[in-house]
Amino acid sequence: MKNTLLLPALAACLLFASCQKPSVSPNADNSTIAGRRGADDAPVPPPSNLPAAVQASFTARYPTATRMEWQAEDGNTWKVKFFVGTVRWKAFFRADGTFISASLA
């Protein structure tokens, strides 16, 4: 009788253990925690190779944007993910500052 109850209990424990969220782990340089950024996190500075024209165009178009994350798509295109209020957006700009498109991220 004990074996009959032990097997389902063990199976339930394994099922619940496998459903737990993984713990947050540090990134490669151990300076910050990987994962989603919170509203109270320190702002991430833009990359040093971000063209000034792109930064200026973005700031003019989205003056209230917060928590920007910049990424070079190719030699002439930049993607930025950011928040306006609580809504997450992504936008694309050419290196000369020309706006390409934006959508919900």
N, C-alpha and C. Protein backbone atom coordinates (compact mmCIF):
# COMPACT_ATOMS: atom_id res chain seq x y z
N MET A 1 0.83 -1.20 0.00
CA MET A 1 0.00 0.00 0.00
C MET A 1 0.87 1.25 0.00
N LYS A 2 1.99 1.24 0.75
CA LYS A 2 2.85 2.40 0.81
C LYS A 2 3.45 2.70 -0.57
N ASN A 3 3.83 1.68 -1.31
CA ASN A 3 4.40 1.88 -2.64
C ASN A 3 3.38 2.49 -3.60
N THR A 4 2.11 2.17 -3.43
CA THR A 4 1.06 2.71 -4.29
C THR A 4 0.91 4.21 -4.08
N LEU A 5 1.08 4.69 -2.86
CA LEU A 5 0.96 6.12 -2.57
C LEU A 5 2.28 6.85 -2.81
N LEU A 6 3.39 6.18 -2.66
CA LEU A 6 4.69 6.80 -2.81
C LEU A 6 4.96 7.21 -4.26
N LEU A 7 4.60 6.37 -5.19
CA LEU A 7 4.87 6.66 -6.61
C LEU A 7 4.12 7.91 -7.10
N PRO A 8 2.81 8.07 -6.85
CA PRO A 8 2.14 9.31 -7.27
C PRO A 8 2.67 10.56 -6.55
N ALA A 9 3.04 10.42 -5.28
CA ALA A 9 3.59 11.56 -4.55
C ALA A 9 4.93 11.98 -5.14
N LEU A 10 5.76 11.02 -5.49
CA LEU A 10 7.04 11.32 -6.11
C LEU A 10 6.85 11.97 -7.47
N ALA A 11 5.92 11.47 -8.25
CA ALA A 11 5.63 12.04 -9.57
C ALA A 11 5.14 13.49 -9.43
N ALA A 12 4.30 13.76 -8.44
CA ALA A 12 3.81 15.12 -8.23
C ALA A 12 4.94 16.06 -7.84
N CYS A 13 5.85 15.59 -6.99
CA CYS A 13 6.99 16.43 -6.59
C CYS A 13 7.86 16.77 -7.80
N LEU A 14 8.13 15.79 -8.63
CA LEU A 14 8.93 16.03 -9.83
C LEU A 14 8.24 17.00 -10.79
N LEU A 15 6.94 16.87 -10.92
CA LEU A 15 6.18 17.76 -11.80
C LEU A 15 6.25 19.19 -11.31
N PHE A 16 6.03 19.42 -10.02
CA PHE A 16 6.06 20.77 -9.48
C PHE A 16 7.46 21.36 -9.52
N ALA A 17 8.47 20.55 -9.29
CA ALA A 17 9.85 21.04 -9.33
C ALA A 17 10.24 21.47 -10.74
N SER A 18 9.74 20.76 -11.75
CA SER A 18 10.09 21.12 -13.13
C SER A 18 9.34 22.36 -13.60
N CYS A 19 8.29 22.77 -12.92
CA CYS A 19 7.51 23.95 -13.31
C CYS A 19 8.03 25.24 -12.69
N GLN A 20 9.01 25.17 -11.80
CA GLN A 20 9.53 26.37 -11.16
C GLN A 20 10.30 27.21 -12.17
N LYS A 21 10.22 28.54 -11.99
CA LYS A 21 10.98 29.44 -12.84
C LYS A 21 12.46 29.30 -12.52
N PRO A 22 13.30 29.38 -13.55
CA PRO A 22 14.73 29.31 -13.26
C PRO A 22 15.18 30.56 -12.51
N SER A 23 16.19 30.43 -11.70
CA SER A 23 16.69 31.58 -10.97
C SER A 23 17.44 32.50 -11.91
N VAL A 24 17.51 33.76 -11.57
CA VAL A 24 18.20 34.75 -12.39
C VAL A 24 19.69 34.52 -12.22
N SER A 25 20.40 34.49 -13.34
CA SER A 25 21.84 34.26 -13.27
C SER A 25 22.58 35.47 -13.80
N PRO A 26 23.77 35.72 -13.29
CA PRO A 26 24.54 36.87 -13.77
C PRO A 26 25.00 36.66 -15.20
N ASN A 27 25.20 37.77 -15.91
CA ASN A 27 25.67 37.66 -17.28
C ASN A 27 27.17 37.38 -17.28
N ALA A 28 27.77 37.35 -18.46
CA ALA A 28 29.16 36.90 -18.61
C ALA A 28 30.16 37.73 -17.80
N ASP A 29 29.96 39.04 -17.71
CA ASP A 29 30.96 39.84 -17.00
C ASP A 29 30.62 40.04 -15.52
N ASN A 30 29.54 39.43 -15.06
CA ASN A 30 29.13 39.47 -13.65
C ASN A 30 28.89 40.87 -13.12
N SER A 31 28.67 41.85 -13.98
CA SER A 31 28.46 43.21 -13.49
C SER A 31 26.99 43.53 -13.28
N THR A 32 26.10 42.88 -14.01
CA THR A 32 24.68 43.12 -13.84
C THR A 32 23.94 41.80 -13.87
N ILE A 33 22.69 41.83 -13.54
CA ILE A 33 21.87 40.63 -13.57
C ILE A 33 21.17 40.55 -14.91
N ALA A 34 21.19 39.38 -15.52
CA ALA A 34 20.53 39.19 -16.81
C ALA A 34 19.02 39.11 -16.60
N GLY A 35 18.26 39.49 -17.60
CA GLY A 35 16.82 39.40 -17.54
C GLY A 35 16.17 40.75 -17.79
N ARG A 36 14.89 40.83 -17.54
CA ARG A 36 14.15 42.05 -17.81
C ARG A 36 14.57 43.14 -16.84
N ARG A 37 14.62 44.34 -17.37
CA ARG A 37 14.98 45.48 -16.54
C ARG A 37 13.74 46.02 -15.85
N GLY A 38 13.91 46.48 -14.63
CA GLY A 38 12.82 47.06 -13.88
C GLY A 38 12.85 48.58 -13.97
N ALA A 39 11.77 49.21 -13.58
CA ALA A 39 11.66 50.66 -13.67
C ALA A 39 12.66 51.38 -12.78
N ASP A 40 13.10 50.72 -11.71
CA ASP A 40 14.04 51.36 -10.80
C ASP A 40 15.50 51.04 -11.11
N ASP A 41 15.77 50.32 -12.21
CA ASP A 41 17.14 50.01 -12.59
C ASP A 41 17.83 51.26 -13.13
N ALA A 42 19.12 51.32 -12.97
CA ALA A 42 19.90 52.44 -13.51
C ALA A 42 19.82 52.40 -15.04
N PRO A 43 19.78 53.57 -15.69
CA PRO A 43 19.69 53.58 -17.14
C PRO A 43 20.95 53.02 -17.78
N VAL A 44 20.76 52.34 -18.90
CA VAL A 44 21.89 51.79 -19.65
C VAL A 44 22.35 52.85 -20.64
N PRO A 45 23.62 53.21 -20.62
CA PRO A 45 24.08 54.23 -21.58
C PRO A 45 24.04 53.68 -23.00
N PRO A 46 23.82 54.56 -23.99
CA PRO A 46 23.81 54.09 -25.38
C PRO A 46 25.20 53.62 -25.77
N PRO A 47 25.28 52.75 -26.78
CA PRO A 47 26.59 52.28 -27.22
C PRO A 47 27.46 53.44 -27.70
N SER A 48 28.76 53.30 -27.55
CA SER A 48 29.67 54.38 -27.93
C SER A 48 29.68 54.62 -29.43
N ASN A 49 29.31 53.62 -30.22
CA ASN A 49 29.30 53.80 -31.68
C ASN A 49 27.93 54.20 -32.22
N LEU A 50 26.98 54.55 -31.33
CA LEU A 50 25.66 55.01 -31.78
C LEU A 50 25.82 56.38 -32.43
N PRO A 51 25.40 56.54 -33.69
CA PRO A 51 25.53 57.85 -34.35
C PRO A 51 24.71 58.92 -33.62
N ALA A 52 25.27 60.09 -33.51
CA ALA A 52 24.59 61.20 -32.85
C ALA A 52 23.28 61.53 -33.54
N ALA A 53 23.24 61.39 -34.86
CA ALA A 53 22.01 61.68 -35.61
C ALA A 53 20.88 60.74 -35.22
N VAL A 54 21.21 59.48 -34.95
CA VAL A 54 20.19 58.50 -34.53
C VAL A 54 19.68 58.86 -33.14
N GLN A 55 20.59 59.18 -32.24
CA GLN A 55 20.21 59.56 -30.87
C GLN A 55 19.32 60.80 -30.90
N ALA A 56 19.68 61.80 -31.68
CA ALA A 56 18.91 63.04 -31.75
C ALA A 56 17.52 62.79 -32.35
N SER A 57 17.46 61.99 -33.41
CA SER A 57 16.18 61.69 -34.05
C SER A 57 15.26 60.93 -33.09
N PHE A 58 15.82 59.96 -32.38
CA PHE A 58 15.02 59.19 -31.42
C PHE A 58 14.49 60.09 -30.31
N THR A 59 15.35 60.93 -29.75
CA THR A 59 14.96 61.81 -28.65
C THR A 59 13.87 62.80 -29.08
N ALA A 60 13.97 63.30 -30.31
CA ALA A 60 12.96 64.22 -30.82
C ALA A 60 11.62 63.52 -31.02
N ARG A 61 11.65 62.27 -31.48
CA ARG A 61 10.42 61.53 -31.77
C ARG A 61 9.78 60.97 -30.50
N TYR A 62 10.60 60.54 -29.54
CA TYR A 62 10.11 59.92 -28.31
C TYR A 62 10.72 60.60 -27.08
N PRO A 63 10.30 61.81 -26.77
CA PRO A 63 10.93 62.55 -25.66
C PRO A 63 10.67 61.94 -24.28
N THR A 64 9.61 61.16 -24.12
CA THR A 64 9.29 60.58 -22.82
C THR A 64 9.73 59.13 -22.70
N ALA A 65 10.48 58.63 -23.66
CA ALA A 65 10.92 57.23 -23.64
C ALA A 65 11.87 56.97 -22.48
N THR A 66 11.78 55.77 -21.94
CA THR A 66 12.68 55.34 -20.86
C THR A 66 13.20 53.95 -21.17
N ARG A 67 14.25 53.56 -20.45
CA ARG A 67 14.80 52.21 -20.50
C ARG A 67 15.13 51.76 -21.92
N MET A 68 15.91 52.57 -22.63
CA MET A 68 16.28 52.26 -24.01
C MET A 68 17.36 51.18 -24.05
N GLU A 69 17.23 50.29 -25.01
CA GLU A 69 18.21 49.25 -25.28
C GLU A 69 18.53 49.30 -26.77
N TRP A 70 19.74 49.73 -27.10
CA TRP A 70 20.16 49.93 -28.48
C TRP A 70 20.85 48.70 -29.04
N GLN A 71 20.63 48.45 -30.34
CA GLN A 71 21.29 47.32 -31.00
C GLN A 71 21.53 47.68 -32.46
N ALA A 72 22.77 47.48 -32.92
CA ALA A 72 23.09 47.69 -34.33
C ALA A 72 22.56 46.49 -35.11
N GLU A 73 21.69 46.75 -36.07
CA GLU A 73 21.13 45.67 -36.89
C GLU A 73 22.10 45.29 -38.01
N ASP A 74 22.63 46.28 -38.65
CA ASP A 74 23.65 46.10 -39.69
C ASP A 74 24.44 47.40 -39.75
N GLY A 75 25.21 47.61 -40.78
CA GLY A 75 26.03 48.81 -40.84
C GLY A 75 25.27 50.11 -40.96
N ASN A 76 24.01 50.04 -41.35
CA ASN A 76 23.25 51.28 -41.59
C ASN A 76 21.94 51.35 -40.82
N THR A 77 21.62 50.37 -39.99
CA THR A 77 20.34 50.34 -39.29
C THR A 77 20.54 50.09 -37.80
N TRP A 78 19.81 50.84 -36.99
CA TRP A 78 19.83 50.68 -35.53
C TRP A 78 18.44 50.37 -35.03
N LYS A 79 18.34 49.43 -34.09
CA LYS A 79 17.07 49.10 -33.44
C LYS A 79 17.17 49.55 -31.99
N VAL A 80 16.08 50.11 -31.49
CA VAL A 80 16.01 50.49 -30.08
C VAL A 80 14.72 49.96 -29.51
N LYS A 81 14.82 49.29 -28.36
CA LYS A 81 13.65 48.86 -27.60
C LYS A 81 13.55 49.82 -26.42
N PHE A 82 12.33 50.26 -26.11
CA PHE A 82 12.14 51.27 -25.08
C PHE A 82 10.72 51.24 -24.56
N PHE A 83 10.49 51.97 -23.49
CA PHE A 83 9.15 52.08 -22.92
C PHE A 83 8.66 53.52 -23.05
N VAL A 84 7.38 53.66 -23.36
CA VAL A 84 6.67 54.92 -23.24
C VAL A 84 5.55 54.61 -22.25
N GLY A 85 5.71 55.11 -21.03
CA GLY A 85 4.81 54.71 -19.95
C GLY A 85 5.09 53.26 -19.62
N THR A 86 4.04 52.43 -19.69
CA THR A 86 4.20 51.01 -19.41
C THR A 86 4.21 50.16 -20.67
N VAL A 87 4.19 50.79 -21.82
CA VAL A 87 4.13 50.08 -23.10
C VAL A 87 5.53 49.97 -23.69
N ARG A 88 5.91 48.74 -24.07
CA ARG A 88 7.23 48.50 -24.66
C ARG A 88 7.13 48.60 -26.18
N TRP A 89 8.04 49.36 -26.75
CA TRP A 89 8.10 49.61 -28.19
C TRP A 89 9.45 49.20 -28.74
N LYS A 90 9.51 49.07 -30.06
CA LYS A 90 10.79 48.97 -30.74
C LYS A 90 10.70 49.85 -31.98
N ALA A 91 11.82 50.50 -32.30
CA ALA A 91 11.86 51.40 -33.45
C ALA A 91 13.17 51.18 -34.19
N PHE A 92 13.13 51.49 -35.48
CA PHE A 92 14.30 51.33 -36.33
C PHE A 92 14.66 52.68 -36.96
N PHE A 93 15.96 52.95 -37.00
CA PHE A 93 16.48 54.20 -37.57
C PHE A 93 17.67 53.88 -38.47
N ARG A 94 17.82 54.67 -39.54
CA ARG A 94 19.02 54.58 -40.35
C ARG A 94 20.14 55.34 -39.64
N ALA A 95 21.37 55.06 -40.00
CA ALA A 95 22.52 55.69 -39.35
C ALA A 95 22.53 57.21 -39.51
N ASP A 96 21.85 57.72 -40.55
CA ASP A 96 21.79 59.17 -40.74
C ASP A 96 20.67 59.82 -39.91
N GLY A 97 19.96 59.00 -39.10
CA GLY A 97 18.90 59.52 -38.24
C GLY A 97 17.50 59.40 -38.82
N THR A 98 17.38 58.90 -40.03
CA THR A 98 16.07 58.75 -40.67
C THR A 98 15.27 57.67 -39.95
N PHE A 99 14.05 58.01 -39.56
CA PHE A 99 13.15 57.06 -38.91
C PHE A 99 12.65 56.07 -39.96
N ILE A 100 12.69 54.77 -39.63
CA ILE A 100 12.20 53.74 -40.55
C ILE A 100 10.81 53.25 -40.14
N SER A 101 10.71 52.72 -38.91
CA SER A 101 9.43 52.20 -38.45
C SER A 101 9.45 51.99 -36.95
N ALA A 102 8.24 51.76 -36.40
CA ALA A 102 8.11 51.46 -34.97
C ALA A 102 6.93 50.51 -34.80
N SER A 103 7.00 49.68 -33.77
CA SER A 103 5.90 48.77 -33.47
C SER A 103 6.00 48.38 -31.99
N LEU A 104 4.95 47.76 -31.51
CA LEU A 104 4.96 47.25 -30.13
C LEU A 104 5.96 46.12 -30.06
N ALA A 105 6.73 46.08 -29.01
CA ALA A 105 7.74 45.02 -28.87
C ALA A 105 7.19 43.85 -28.11
